[in-house]
Amino acid sequence: MLHVTDVMILNQSEAEFLSGVTGTEKALTELLKKVPCVVIKTGADGAIAQSRDGNVVSIPAHPADVKDTTGAGDAFAAGFIASWMKSRDLSSALTNATRYAAECVAIIGARPQVAP
């Protein structure tokens, strides 16, 4: 299904596994041969991304008081996709994604408590 995929968002170990190479930037290069835009989450280090027609963009993780990592990847993806759909700007999409993930890990559980 990669031939019909526009953007691939994955973590570092998934990127290395699917690309067959070791190292984030090497995996990024390999995956770009199959998908036009690749985003690799690097945990506490942030994220790295590139589209075929652009430069590598690396963003540090947004500072957070980590309480629980449940849902962090989903929050990252939601933040990235929402921003990417509006602007097609990797830097701002990654910044938004790391901010969403930081907000998610600062609470226990995958979402804030709902008031009664």
N, C-alpha and C. Protein backbone atom coordinates (compact mmCIF):
# COMPACT_ATOMS: atom_id res chain seq x y z
N MET A 1 0.81 -1.20 0.00
CA MET A 1 0.00 0.00 0.00
C MET A 1 0.85 1.27 0.00
N LEU A 2 2.15 1.14 0.10
CA LEU A 2 2.99 2.34 0.14
C LEU A 2 2.88 3.18 -1.13
N HIS A 3 2.60 2.56 -2.25
CA HIS A 3 2.51 3.31 -3.51
C HIS A 3 1.33 4.29 -3.54
N VAL A 4 0.37 4.13 -2.62
CA VAL A 4 -0.76 5.07 -2.55
C VAL A 4 -0.73 5.89 -1.25
N THR A 5 0.41 5.89 -0.59
CA THR A 5 0.57 6.62 0.67
C THR A 5 1.25 7.95 0.40
N ASP A 6 0.70 9.03 0.95
CA ASP A 6 1.30 10.36 0.78
C ASP A 6 2.29 10.69 1.88
N VAL A 7 1.93 10.33 3.12
CA VAL A 7 2.77 10.64 4.28
C VAL A 7 2.84 9.41 5.16
N MET A 8 4.04 9.06 5.58
CA MET A 8 4.23 7.94 6.51
C MET A 8 4.77 8.51 7.82
N ILE A 9 4.07 8.21 8.92
CA ILE A 9 4.49 8.64 10.25
C ILE A 9 4.80 7.38 11.05
N LEU A 10 6.03 7.25 11.52
CA LEU A 10 6.42 6.07 12.27
C LEU A 10 7.51 6.40 13.27
N ASN A 11 7.76 5.48 14.19
CA ASN A 11 8.82 5.71 15.16
C ASN A 11 10.14 5.18 14.61
N GLN A 12 11.21 5.43 15.33
CA GLN A 12 12.55 5.11 14.84
C GLN A 12 12.73 3.61 14.60
N SER A 13 12.28 2.77 15.52
CA SER A 13 12.47 1.33 15.32
C SER A 13 11.63 0.82 14.15
N GLU A 14 10.43 1.34 13.97
CA GLU A 14 9.61 0.96 12.81
C GLU A 14 10.29 1.39 11.52
N ALA A 15 10.85 2.59 11.52
CA ALA A 15 11.53 3.11 10.32
C ALA A 15 12.72 2.24 9.95
N GLU A 16 13.50 1.87 10.94
CA GLU A 16 14.66 1.02 10.67
C GLU A 16 14.23 -0.37 10.19
N PHE A 17 13.19 -0.92 10.79
CA PHE A 17 12.69 -2.23 10.38
C PHE A 17 12.18 -2.21 8.94
N LEU A 18 11.33 -1.24 8.63
CA LEU A 18 10.73 -1.18 7.28
C LEU A 18 11.74 -0.82 6.20
N SER A 19 12.74 -0.02 6.56
CA SER A 19 13.74 0.40 5.56
C SER A 19 14.85 -0.63 5.41
N GLY A 20 15.07 -1.43 6.44
CA GLY A 20 16.15 -2.42 6.39
C GLY A 20 17.52 -1.84 6.69
N VAL A 21 17.57 -0.62 7.19
CA VAL A 21 18.85 0.02 7.53
C VAL A 21 18.84 0.51 8.97
N THR A 22 20.02 0.76 9.50
CA THR A 22 20.15 1.28 10.86
C THR A 22 20.48 2.76 10.79
N GLY A 23 19.85 3.54 11.64
CA GLY A 23 20.08 4.99 11.68
C GLY A 23 18.89 5.75 11.12
N THR A 24 18.50 6.77 11.83
CA THR A 24 17.30 7.52 11.47
C THR A 24 17.40 8.16 10.10
N GLU A 25 18.49 8.84 9.82
CA GLU A 25 18.61 9.54 8.52
C GLU A 25 18.72 8.56 7.36
N LYS A 26 19.40 7.43 7.58
CA LYS A 26 19.48 6.41 6.53
C LYS A 26 18.10 5.82 6.26
N ALA A 27 17.35 5.56 7.33
CA ALA A 27 15.99 5.04 7.18
C ALA A 27 15.11 6.04 6.44
N LEU A 28 15.26 7.31 6.79
CA LEU A 28 14.49 8.37 6.13
C LEU A 28 14.76 8.36 4.62
N THR A 29 16.02 8.28 4.25
CA THR A 29 16.42 8.26 2.84
C THR A 29 15.81 7.06 2.11
N GLU A 30 15.88 5.90 2.72
CA GLU A 30 15.33 4.69 2.10
C GLU A 30 13.82 4.76 1.95
N LEU A 31 13.14 5.21 2.99
CA LEU A 31 11.67 5.26 2.95
C LEU A 31 11.16 6.30 1.96
N LEU A 32 11.94 7.36 1.73
CA LEU A 32 11.53 8.38 0.76
C LEU A 32 11.50 7.82 -0.67
N LYS A 33 12.15 6.70 -0.89
CA LYS A 33 12.11 6.06 -2.21
C LYS A 33 10.73 5.45 -2.46
N LYS A 34 9.97 5.21 -1.39
CA LYS A 34 8.67 4.56 -1.50
C LYS A 34 7.50 5.48 -1.22
N VAL A 35 7.73 6.52 -0.38
CA VAL A 35 6.66 7.42 0.07
C VAL A 35 7.13 8.86 -0.10
N PRO A 36 6.28 9.76 -0.61
CA PRO A 36 6.69 11.14 -0.86
C PRO A 36 7.09 11.96 0.37
N CYS A 37 6.56 11.62 1.54
CA CYS A 37 6.89 12.36 2.76
C CYS A 37 6.98 11.38 3.92
N VAL A 38 8.08 11.45 4.66
CA VAL A 38 8.31 10.54 5.77
C VAL A 38 8.58 11.34 7.04
N VAL A 39 7.90 10.94 8.13
CA VAL A 39 8.06 11.55 9.44
C VAL A 39 8.48 10.44 10.40
N ILE A 40 9.61 10.65 11.08
CA ILE A 40 10.09 9.66 12.04
C ILE A 40 10.15 10.29 13.42
N LYS A 41 9.37 9.71 14.34
CA LYS A 41 9.37 10.17 15.73
C LYS A 41 10.59 9.58 16.42
N THR A 42 11.30 10.41 17.17
CA THR A 42 12.51 9.95 17.85
C THR A 42 12.39 10.09 19.37
N GLY A 43 11.18 9.96 19.87
CA GLY A 43 10.93 9.97 21.31
C GLY A 43 11.31 11.28 21.96
N ALA A 44 12.09 11.18 23.02
CA ALA A 44 12.50 12.36 23.78
C ALA A 44 13.38 13.31 22.96
N ASP A 45 13.89 12.83 21.82
CA ASP A 45 14.71 13.68 20.96
C ASP A 45 13.88 14.50 19.98
N GLY A 46 12.59 14.20 19.85
CA GLY A 46 11.73 14.97 18.95
C GLY A 46 11.33 14.19 17.72
N ALA A 47 11.59 14.76 16.54
CA ALA A 47 11.20 14.11 15.29
C ALA A 47 12.02 14.66 14.13
N ILE A 48 12.07 13.87 13.08
CA ILE A 48 12.77 14.26 11.87
C ILE A 48 11.85 13.92 10.70
N ALA A 49 11.88 14.73 9.66
CA ALA A 49 11.01 14.48 8.51
C ALA A 49 11.63 15.05 7.25
N GLN A 50 11.13 14.55 6.13
CA GLN A 50 11.55 15.08 4.84
C GLN A 50 10.52 14.70 3.80
N SER A 51 10.30 15.60 2.87
CA SER A 51 9.52 15.25 1.68
C SER A 51 10.52 15.19 0.53
N ARG A 52 10.16 14.50 -0.51
CA ARG A 52 11.10 14.29 -1.63
C ARG A 52 11.62 15.59 -2.22
N ASP A 53 10.81 16.61 -2.21
CA ASP A 53 11.22 17.88 -2.83
C ASP A 53 11.80 18.88 -1.83
N GLY A 54 12.12 18.41 -0.61
CA GLY A 54 12.61 19.36 0.40
C GLY A 54 13.79 18.84 1.20
N ASN A 55 14.19 19.68 2.12
CA ASN A 55 15.32 19.35 3.00
C ASN A 55 14.84 18.59 4.23
N VAL A 56 15.79 17.97 4.92
CA VAL A 56 15.50 17.29 6.17
C VAL A 56 15.15 18.34 7.22
N VAL A 57 14.09 18.11 7.96
CA VAL A 57 13.68 19.00 9.04
C VAL A 57 13.73 18.19 10.33
N SER A 58 14.43 18.72 11.32
CA SER A 58 14.54 18.05 12.61
C SER A 58 14.07 19.02 13.69
N ILE A 59 13.18 18.54 14.54
CA ILE A 59 12.61 19.37 15.60
C ILE A 59 12.85 18.67 16.94
N PRO A 60 13.37 19.39 17.94
CA PRO A 60 13.52 18.77 19.26
C PRO A 60 12.16 18.54 19.91
N ALA A 61 12.13 17.64 20.85
CA ALA A 61 10.89 17.40 21.59
C ALA A 61 10.49 18.66 22.34
N HIS A 62 9.20 18.89 22.42
CA HIS A 62 8.68 20.00 23.21
C HIS A 62 8.86 19.64 24.68
N PRO A 63 9.34 20.56 25.52
CA PRO A 63 9.53 20.23 26.93
C PRO A 63 8.23 19.75 27.58
N ALA A 64 8.35 18.72 28.42
CA ALA A 64 7.16 18.17 29.07
C ALA A 64 7.54 17.52 30.39
N ASP A 65 6.62 17.58 31.32
CA ASP A 65 6.72 16.85 32.58
C ASP A 65 6.02 15.51 32.34
N VAL A 66 6.79 14.50 31.95
CA VAL A 66 6.22 13.23 31.52
C VAL A 66 5.64 12.45 32.70
N LYS A 67 4.34 12.16 32.57
CA LYS A 67 3.63 11.37 33.58
C LYS A 67 3.20 10.02 33.01
N ASP A 68 2.84 9.98 31.71
CA ASP A 68 2.35 8.77 31.08
C ASP A 68 2.46 8.95 29.57
N THR A 69 3.06 7.99 28.90
CA THR A 69 3.23 8.13 27.44
C THR A 69 2.07 7.54 26.64
N THR A 70 1.03 7.06 27.32
CA THR A 70 -0.13 6.51 26.62
C THR A 70 -0.74 7.56 25.68
N GLY A 71 -0.87 7.22 24.44
CA GLY A 71 -1.49 8.11 23.47
C GLY A 71 -0.57 9.15 22.85
N ALA A 72 0.69 9.17 23.24
CA ALA A 72 1.61 10.20 22.73
C ALA A 72 1.77 10.11 21.21
N GLY A 73 1.89 8.91 20.69
CA GLY A 73 2.04 8.75 19.24
C GLY A 73 0.81 9.21 18.48
N ASP A 74 -0.36 8.89 19.03
CA ASP A 74 -1.60 9.33 18.39
C ASP A 74 -1.74 10.85 18.44
N ALA A 75 -1.37 11.44 19.59
CA ALA A 75 -1.43 12.89 19.72
C ALA A 75 -0.46 13.55 18.74
N PHE A 76 0.74 12.98 18.61
CA PHE A 76 1.73 13.48 17.66
C PHE A 76 1.15 13.46 16.24
N ALA A 77 0.58 12.31 15.86
CA ALA A 77 0.03 12.17 14.51
C ALA A 77 -1.10 13.16 14.27
N ALA A 78 -1.98 13.33 15.26
CA ALA A 78 -3.09 14.28 15.12
C ALA A 78 -2.57 15.70 14.93
N GLY A 79 -1.58 16.08 15.73
CA GLY A 79 -1.01 17.42 15.61
C GLY A 79 -0.33 17.63 14.27
N PHE A 80 0.39 16.61 13.82
CA PHE A 80 1.09 16.71 12.53
C PHE A 80 0.09 16.83 11.39
N ILE A 81 -0.87 15.91 11.34
CA ILE A 81 -1.81 15.87 10.22
C ILE A 81 -2.63 17.15 10.12
N ALA A 82 -3.11 17.64 11.25
CA ALA A 82 -3.92 18.87 11.24
C ALA A 82 -3.12 20.04 10.66
N SER A 83 -1.88 20.17 11.08
CA SER A 83 -1.04 21.27 10.59
C SER A 83 -0.61 21.04 9.14
N TRP A 84 -0.24 19.82 8.81
CA TRP A 84 0.22 19.49 7.45
C TRP A 84 -0.88 19.74 6.42
N MET A 85 -2.11 19.39 6.76
CA MET A 85 -3.22 19.60 5.84
C MET A 85 -3.47 21.07 5.55
N LYS A 86 -3.18 21.93 6.52
CA LYS A 86 -3.38 23.37 6.33
C LYS A 86 -2.23 24.02 5.56
N SER A 87 -0.99 23.65 5.90
CA SER A 87 0.14 24.43 5.41
C SER A 87 1.12 23.69 4.50
N ARG A 88 1.18 22.39 4.60
CA ARG A 88 2.20 21.59 3.90
C ARG A 88 3.62 22.06 4.26
N ASP A 89 3.76 22.59 5.48
CA ASP A 89 5.05 23.06 5.98
C ASP A 89 5.53 22.07 7.04
N LEU A 90 6.62 21.34 6.74
CA LEU A 90 7.10 20.31 7.66
C LEU A 90 7.52 20.86 9.01
N SER A 91 8.18 21.99 9.02
CA SER A 91 8.66 22.56 10.28
C SER A 91 7.50 22.89 11.22
N SER A 92 6.49 23.56 10.71
CA SER A 92 5.37 23.90 11.59
C SER A 92 4.54 22.67 11.93
N ALA A 93 4.43 21.71 11.02
CA ALA A 93 3.69 20.49 11.32
C ALA A 93 4.40 19.68 12.41
N LEU A 94 5.71 19.59 12.35
CA LEU A 94 6.47 18.88 13.40
C LEU A 94 6.40 19.61 14.73
N THR A 95 6.48 20.92 14.69
CA THR A 95 6.38 21.71 15.91
C THR A 95 5.02 21.48 16.58
N ASN A 96 3.97 21.53 15.78
CA ASN A 96 2.62 21.29 16.29
C ASN A 96 2.51 19.86 16.85
N ALA A 97 3.06 18.91 16.14
CA ALA A 97 3.00 17.50 16.56
C ALA A 97 3.70 17.29 17.90
N THR A 98 4.89 17.87 18.06
CA THR A 98 5.62 17.68 19.32
C THR A 98 4.91 18.40 20.47
N ARG A 99 4.25 19.49 20.18
CA ARG A 99 3.48 20.19 21.22
C ARG A 99 2.30 19.34 21.68
N TYR A 100 1.56 18.76 20.73
CA TYR A 100 0.44 17.90 21.09
C TYR A 100 0.92 16.70 21.90
N ALA A 101 2.02 16.08 21.48
CA ALA A 101 2.54 14.92 22.20
C ALA A 101 2.97 15.31 23.61
N ALA A 102 3.58 16.48 23.76
CA ALA A 102 4.01 16.94 25.09
C ALA A 102 2.82 17.17 26.00
N GLU A 103 1.75 17.72 25.46
CA GLU A 103 0.54 17.92 26.26
C GLU A 103 -0.05 16.58 26.68
N CYS A 104 0.03 15.59 25.80
CA CYS A 104 -0.53 14.27 26.10
C CYS A 104 0.25 13.56 27.20
N VAL A 105 1.58 13.60 27.15
CA VAL A 105 2.38 12.86 28.13
C VAL A 105 2.38 13.52 29.50
N ALA A 106 1.90 14.74 29.59
CA ALA A 106 1.88 15.46 30.88
C ALA A 106 0.69 15.08 31.75
N ILE A 107 -0.19 14.21 31.25
CA ILE A 107 -1.33 13.77 32.03
C ILE A 107 -1.35 12.23 32.11
N ILE A 108 -2.04 11.71 33.10
CA ILE A 108 -2.21 10.26 33.22
C ILE A 108 -3.36 9.85 32.31
N GLY A 109 -3.14 8.88 31.45
CA GLY A 109 -4.17 8.42 30.52
C GLY A 109 -4.05 9.12 29.19
N ALA A 110 -4.83 8.66 28.24
CA ALA A 110 -4.71 9.16 26.87
C ALA A 110 -5.43 10.46 26.61
N ARG A 111 -6.24 10.94 27.57
CA ARG A 111 -6.95 12.20 27.36
C ARG A 111 -7.21 12.85 28.72
N PRO A 112 -7.45 14.16 28.72
CA PRO A 112 -7.75 14.84 29.99
C PRO A 112 -9.03 14.29 30.62
N GLN A 113 -9.14 14.44 31.92
CA GLN A 113 -10.36 14.02 32.62
C GLN A 113 -11.53 14.89 32.17
N VAL A 114 -12.68 14.28 32.04
CA VAL A 114 -13.89 14.99 31.65
C VAL A 114 -14.64 15.36 32.94
N ALA A 115 -14.99 16.63 33.06
CA ALA A 115 -15.72 17.09 34.25
C ALA A 115 -17.13 16.51 34.26
N PRO A 116 -17.63 16.15 35.44
CA PRO A 116 -18.99 15.59 35.52
C PRO A 116 -20.07 16.60 35.19
